[in-house]
Each structure stands twice: as C-alpha cells, then as structure tokens.
C-alpha cells in the first residue's frame, strides 16, 4: 500500500504537518518496498482549492491512504469518494521518520 504523509520539509527529519491541503510537502511511502520519496505540494499556497488540488496529487501518486492532522470538507468528500483512507494524527511534534517507524 502507498501512503502519503503530510510534511513540513523534504526529508525524514522534517516535521509532520497537520494541514493536508496546505502542507508544503508530501512523503510517499510504499509500504511493500519500504521506499519513500518526497513531492512538493505545488498548491499549498493557492488562494483557494488547495485541498481539492492536493487530492488530485494524491491520486496521481497512487496513494491509498493519507496521514495528516486535518482534512477540509471538500478534500474529505473527495477522498471518501475515491476510497482513499484518511488517518488523522494530532501530534505535530513527530518527524516523518517517527511516523514511518510507527507504520512498520
């Protein structure tokens, strides 16, 4: 399964970002191979529609699950429609490495 983790930066030491559509980066974790890569969220500074554009990016990357702190109503509706699991974490003191370790 491929999982997106919202991130404040582009490496494993980066902090977890509680905002889905406004996260600067997405960490894509392939749980089968344990490989990961980072992708910039090009719509994080959009004046509107950041959440729906982020959902489009999630779909392009082929993720079946997203880990974030919050999902706006439009993003949530789209993720549910496309059967993409949403996992909400409220601890923004965790790093991306911490979250990946927790998944393993």
N, C-alpha and C. Protein backbone atom coordinates (compact mmCIF):
# COMPACT_ATOMS: atom_id res chain seq x y z
N UNK A 1 0.85 -1.18 0.00
CA UNK A 1 0.00 0.00 0.00
C UNK A 1 0.89 1.24 0.00
N UNK A 2 0.46 2.25 -0.73
CA UNK A 2 1.17 3.52 -0.74
C UNK A 2 0.44 4.51 0.16
N UNK A 3 1.22 5.20 0.98
CA UNK A 3 0.69 6.13 1.96
C UNK A 3 1.35 7.49 1.79
N UNK A 4 0.55 8.54 1.83
CA UNK A 4 1.05 9.92 1.83
C UNK A 4 1.07 10.40 3.28
N UNK A 5 2.17 11.04 3.67
CA UNK A 5 2.28 11.67 4.98
C UNK A 5 2.56 13.15 4.72
N UNK A 6 1.75 14.03 5.29
CA UNK A 6 1.95 15.46 5.08
C UNK A 6 3.17 15.92 5.88
N UNK A 7 4.03 16.72 5.22
CA UNK A 7 5.33 17.06 5.79
C UNK A 7 5.63 18.55 5.64
N UNK A 8 6.43 19.05 6.57
CA UNK A 8 6.88 20.44 6.51
C UNK A 8 8.14 20.60 5.65
N UNK A 9 8.79 19.49 5.33
CA UNK A 9 10.02 19.55 4.55
C UNK A 9 10.19 18.32 3.68
N UNK A 10 11.38 18.19 3.10
CA UNK A 10 11.59 17.14 2.11
C UNK A 10 12.60 16.07 2.54
N UNK A 11 12.65 15.80 3.86
CA UNK A 11 13.49 14.70 4.33
C UNK A 11 12.87 14.06 5.56
N UNK A 12 13.44 12.94 5.98
CA UNK A 12 12.87 12.17 7.09
C UNK A 12 12.87 12.92 8.42
N UNK A 13 13.78 13.87 8.58
CA UNK A 13 13.84 14.65 9.82
C UNK A 13 12.81 15.78 9.86
N UNK A 14 12.13 16.00 8.75
CA UNK A 14 11.13 17.08 8.68
C UNK A 14 9.97 16.79 9.62
N UNK A 15 9.35 17.86 10.07
CA UNK A 15 8.22 17.74 10.96
C UNK A 15 6.95 17.34 10.21
N UNK A 16 6.09 16.66 10.92
CA UNK A 16 4.77 16.29 10.41
C UNK A 16 3.92 17.55 10.32
N UNK A 17 3.24 17.74 9.21
CA UNK A 17 2.38 18.91 9.00
C UNK A 17 0.93 18.51 9.23
N UNK A 18 0.25 19.21 10.11
CA UNK A 18 -1.14 18.90 10.43
C UNK A 18 -2.12 19.29 9.33
N UNK A 19 -1.66 20.08 8.37
CA UNK A 19 -2.57 20.59 7.33
C UNK A 19 -2.42 19.77 6.06
N UNK A 20 -3.52 19.24 5.57
CA UNK A 20 -3.47 18.44 4.36
C UNK A 20 -3.22 19.29 3.12
N UNK A 21 -4.14 20.14 2.77
CA UNK A 21 -4.02 20.93 1.55
C UNK A 21 -2.93 21.97 1.60
N UNK A 22 -2.57 22.42 2.78
CA UNK A 22 -1.56 23.47 2.95
C UNK A 22 -0.18 22.94 3.32
N UNK A 23 -0.03 21.62 3.39
CA UNK A 23 1.29 21.04 3.69
C UNK A 23 2.23 21.37 2.53
N UNK A 24 3.46 21.72 2.85
CA UNK A 24 4.42 22.08 1.81
C UNK A 24 4.89 20.87 1.02
N UNK A 25 4.95 19.71 1.68
CA UNK A 25 5.49 18.50 1.05
C UNK A 25 4.61 17.30 1.37
N UNK A 26 4.69 16.31 0.51
CA UNK A 26 4.07 15.00 0.74
C UNK A 26 5.18 13.96 0.71
N UNK A 27 5.21 13.12 1.74
CA UNK A 27 6.11 11.98 1.74
C UNK A 27 5.29 10.79 1.26
N UNK A 28 5.72 10.15 0.20
CA UNK A 28 5.04 8.97 -0.33
C UNK A 28 5.82 7.74 0.12
N UNK A 29 5.17 6.92 0.94
CA UNK A 29 5.78 5.70 1.46
C UNK A 29 5.14 4.50 0.78
N UNK A 30 5.96 3.67 0.17
CA UNK A 30 5.49 2.40 -0.38
C UNK A 30 5.75 1.36 0.70
N UNK A 31 4.70 0.91 1.36
CA UNK A 31 4.86 0.00 2.49
C UNK A 31 5.35 -1.38 2.06
N UNK A 32 5.15 -1.74 0.82
CA UNK A 32 5.60 -3.04 0.32
C UNK A 32 7.12 -3.08 0.19
N UNK A 33 7.68 -2.04 -0.40
CA UNK A 33 9.13 -1.99 -0.63
C UNK A 33 9.87 -1.21 0.46
N UNK A 34 9.13 -0.48 1.30
CA UNK A 34 9.68 0.40 2.34
C UNK A 34 10.46 1.57 1.75
N UNK A 35 10.26 1.86 0.47
CA UNK A 35 10.89 3.01 -0.16
C UNK A 35 10.01 4.24 0.05
N UNK A 36 10.64 5.39 0.08
CA UNK A 36 9.90 6.64 0.26
C UNK A 36 10.50 7.70 -0.65
N UNK A 37 9.69 8.69 -0.96
CA UNK A 37 10.15 9.84 -1.72
C UNK A 37 9.30 11.03 -1.33
N UNK A 38 9.83 12.22 -1.59
CA UNK A 38 9.14 13.45 -1.23
C UNK A 38 8.73 14.20 -2.50
N UNK A 39 7.53 14.76 -2.44
CA UNK A 39 6.98 15.53 -3.55
C UNK A 39 6.47 16.86 -3.02
N UNK A 40 6.84 17.93 -3.67
CA UNK A 40 6.36 19.24 -3.26
C UNK A 40 4.88 19.35 -3.56
N UNK A 41 4.13 19.94 -2.63
CA UNK A 41 2.71 20.21 -2.83
C UNK A 41 2.63 21.58 -3.50
N UNK A 42 2.53 21.58 -4.81
CA UNK A 42 2.56 22.83 -5.56
C UNK A 42 1.36 23.73 -5.32
N UNK A 43 0.32 23.22 -4.70
CA UNK A 43 -0.88 24.03 -4.47
C UNK A 43 -1.00 24.52 -3.02
N UNK A 44 0.05 24.34 -2.22
CA UNK A 44 -0.08 24.69 -0.80
C UNK A 44 -0.26 26.19 -0.55
N UNK A 45 0.12 27.02 -1.51
CA UNK A 45 -0.07 28.46 -1.35
C UNK A 45 -1.22 29.01 -2.20
N UNK A 46 -2.02 28.12 -2.77
CA UNK A 46 -3.14 28.55 -3.60
C UNK A 46 -4.13 29.37 -2.78
N UNK A 47 -4.72 30.38 -3.39
CA UNK A 47 -5.66 31.23 -2.66
C UNK A 47 -6.95 30.47 -2.31
N UNK A 48 -7.29 29.48 -3.11
CA UNK A 48 -8.43 28.62 -2.78
C UNK A 48 -8.27 27.30 -3.54
N UNK A 49 -8.92 26.27 -3.05
CA UNK A 49 -8.88 24.97 -3.71
C UNK A 49 -7.65 24.13 -3.42
N UNK A 50 -6.88 24.49 -2.38
CA UNK A 50 -5.66 23.74 -2.08
C UNK A 50 -5.96 22.29 -1.73
N UNK A 51 -7.04 22.07 -1.00
CA UNK A 51 -7.39 20.71 -0.58
C UNK A 51 -7.77 19.83 -1.76
N UNK A 52 -8.58 20.36 -2.66
CA UNK A 52 -9.00 19.54 -3.81
C UNK A 52 -7.82 19.29 -4.75
N UNK A 53 -6.94 20.26 -4.89
CA UNK A 53 -5.75 20.06 -5.72
C UNK A 53 -4.81 19.04 -5.07
N UNK A 54 -4.76 19.05 -3.75
CA UNK A 54 -3.93 18.07 -3.04
C UNK A 54 -4.49 16.66 -3.24
N UNK A 55 -5.81 16.52 -3.27
CA UNK A 55 -6.42 15.21 -3.53
C UNK A 55 -6.03 14.73 -4.93
N UNK A 56 -6.04 15.63 -5.90
CA UNK A 56 -5.62 15.26 -7.25
C UNK A 56 -4.19 14.73 -7.24
N UNK A 57 -3.32 15.38 -6.49
CA UNK A 57 -1.92 14.95 -6.40
C UNK A 57 -1.82 13.57 -5.75
N UNK A 58 -2.59 13.35 -4.69
CA UNK A 58 -2.61 12.06 -4.01
C UNK A 58 -3.00 10.96 -5.00
N UNK A 59 -3.99 11.24 -5.82
CA UNK A 59 -4.44 10.26 -6.81
C UNK A 59 -3.36 10.03 -7.87
N UNK A 60 -2.71 11.09 -8.32
CA UNK A 60 -1.62 10.95 -9.30
C UNK A 60 -0.50 10.07 -8.76
N UNK A 61 -0.23 10.18 -7.47
CA UNK A 61 0.85 9.41 -6.86
C UNK A 61 0.42 7.98 -6.51
N UNK A 62 -0.85 7.68 -6.64
CA UNK A 62 -1.35 6.33 -6.43
C UNK A 62 -1.48 5.90 -4.99
N UNK A 63 -1.66 6.85 -4.09
CA UNK A 63 -1.77 6.53 -2.67
C UNK A 63 -3.17 6.01 -2.32
N UNK A 64 -3.21 5.06 -1.41
CA UNK A 64 -4.47 4.50 -0.93
C UNK A 64 -4.82 5.04 0.46
N UNK A 65 -3.85 5.74 1.08
CA UNK A 65 -4.06 6.27 2.43
C UNK A 65 -3.30 7.58 2.58
N UNK A 66 -3.88 8.50 3.37
CA UNK A 66 -3.23 9.77 3.67
C UNK A 66 -3.22 9.95 5.18
N UNK A 67 -2.05 10.31 5.70
CA UNK A 67 -1.91 10.62 7.12
C UNK A 67 -1.69 12.11 7.24
N UNK A 68 -2.58 12.80 7.95
CA UNK A 68 -2.49 14.24 8.15
C UNK A 68 -3.19 14.58 9.45
N UNK A 69 -3.20 15.85 9.77
CA UNK A 69 -3.85 16.29 11.00
C UNK A 69 -5.27 16.76 10.80
N UNK A 70 -5.58 17.20 9.58
CA UNK A 70 -6.91 17.75 9.32
C UNK A 70 -7.17 17.70 7.82
N UNK A 71 -8.43 17.50 7.48
CA UNK A 71 -8.87 17.49 6.09
C UNK A 71 -10.05 18.43 5.98
N UNK A 72 -9.98 19.35 5.05
CA UNK A 72 -11.11 20.25 4.83
C UNK A 72 -12.30 19.47 4.29
N UNK A 73 -13.49 20.06 4.35
CA UNK A 73 -14.70 19.34 3.94
C UNK A 73 -14.69 18.89 2.48
N UNK A 74 -14.19 19.70 1.58
CA UNK A 74 -14.16 19.31 0.17
C UNK A 74 -13.14 18.20 -0.08
N UNK A 75 -11.98 18.33 0.54
CA UNK A 75 -10.96 17.29 0.40
C UNK A 75 -11.45 15.98 0.99
N UNK A 76 -12.07 16.06 2.14
CA UNK A 76 -12.58 14.85 2.80
C UNK A 76 -13.62 14.16 1.92
N UNK A 77 -14.50 14.95 1.34
CA UNK A 77 -15.53 14.39 0.47
C UNK A 77 -14.91 13.67 -0.74
N UNK A 78 -13.91 14.29 -1.35
CA UNK A 78 -13.26 13.66 -2.50
C UNK A 78 -12.48 12.41 -2.11
N UNK A 79 -11.78 12.46 -1.00
CA UNK A 79 -11.02 11.29 -0.55
C UNK A 79 -11.97 10.12 -0.27
N UNK A 80 -13.10 10.42 0.35
CA UNK A 80 -14.10 9.37 0.61
C UNK A 80 -14.64 8.82 -0.71
N UNK A 81 -14.92 9.70 -1.65
CA UNK A 81 -15.47 9.30 -2.95
C UNK A 81 -14.53 8.33 -3.66
N UNK A 82 -13.23 8.60 -3.59
CA UNK A 82 -12.25 7.76 -4.28
C UNK A 82 -11.68 6.66 -3.38
N UNK A 83 -12.32 6.47 -2.21
CA UNK A 83 -11.97 5.38 -1.29
C UNK A 83 -10.50 5.43 -0.84
N UNK A 84 -10.04 6.63 -0.57
CA UNK A 84 -8.70 6.83 -0.03
C UNK A 84 -8.84 7.02 1.47
N UNK A 85 -8.21 6.15 2.22
CA UNK A 85 -8.31 6.17 3.68
C UNK A 85 -7.65 7.41 4.25
N UNK A 86 -8.30 8.02 5.24
CA UNK A 86 -7.76 9.18 5.94
C UNK A 86 -7.42 8.78 7.37
N UNK A 87 -6.19 9.08 7.78
CA UNK A 87 -5.76 8.83 9.14
C UNK A 87 -5.39 10.18 9.73
N UNK A 88 -6.00 10.50 10.86
CA UNK A 88 -5.76 11.80 11.49
C UNK A 88 -4.85 11.62 12.70
N UNK A 89 -3.73 12.34 12.69
CA UNK A 89 -2.81 12.41 13.83
C UNK A 89 -2.80 13.85 14.32
N UNK A 90 -2.78 14.03 15.61
CA UNK A 90 -2.82 15.40 16.14
C UNK A 90 -1.49 15.84 16.76
N UNK A 91 -0.46 15.00 16.68
CA UNK A 91 0.82 15.30 17.30
C UNK A 91 1.80 15.84 16.26
N UNK A 92 1.94 17.17 16.20
CA UNK A 92 2.85 17.76 15.21
C UNK A 92 4.30 17.82 15.69
N UNK A 93 4.58 17.18 16.83
CA UNK A 93 5.97 17.13 17.29
C UNK A 93 6.70 15.94 16.67
N UNK A 94 5.99 15.08 15.97
CA UNK A 94 6.60 13.90 15.35
C UNK A 94 7.30 14.28 14.04
N UNK A 95 8.35 13.56 13.75
CA UNK A 95 9.02 13.72 12.45
C UNK A 95 8.42 12.69 11.49
N UNK A 96 8.74 12.84 10.22
CA UNK A 96 8.29 11.87 9.23
C UNK A 96 8.87 10.50 9.55
N UNK A 97 10.13 10.47 9.98
CA UNK A 97 10.76 9.20 10.37
C UNK A 97 10.00 8.52 11.50
N UNK A 98 9.55 9.30 12.50
CA UNK A 98 8.77 8.75 13.61
C UNK A 98 7.50 8.08 13.11
N UNK A 99 6.83 8.74 12.19
CA UNK A 99 5.56 8.21 11.67
C UNK A 99 5.80 6.95 10.85
N UNK A 100 6.85 6.97 10.03
CA UNK A 100 7.17 5.78 9.24
C UNK A 100 7.53 4.61 10.16
N UNK A 101 8.29 4.87 11.21
CA UNK A 101 8.62 3.82 12.18
C UNK A 101 7.36 3.25 12.82
N UNK A 102 6.40 4.12 13.10
CA UNK A 102 5.13 3.67 13.69
C UNK A 102 4.32 2.81 12.74
N UNK A 103 4.43 3.05 11.46
CA UNK A 103 3.71 2.25 10.46
C UNK A 103 4.32 0.86 10.37
N UNK A 104 5.65 0.79 10.45
CA UNK A 104 6.34 -0.51 10.35
C UNK A 104 5.99 -1.33 11.56
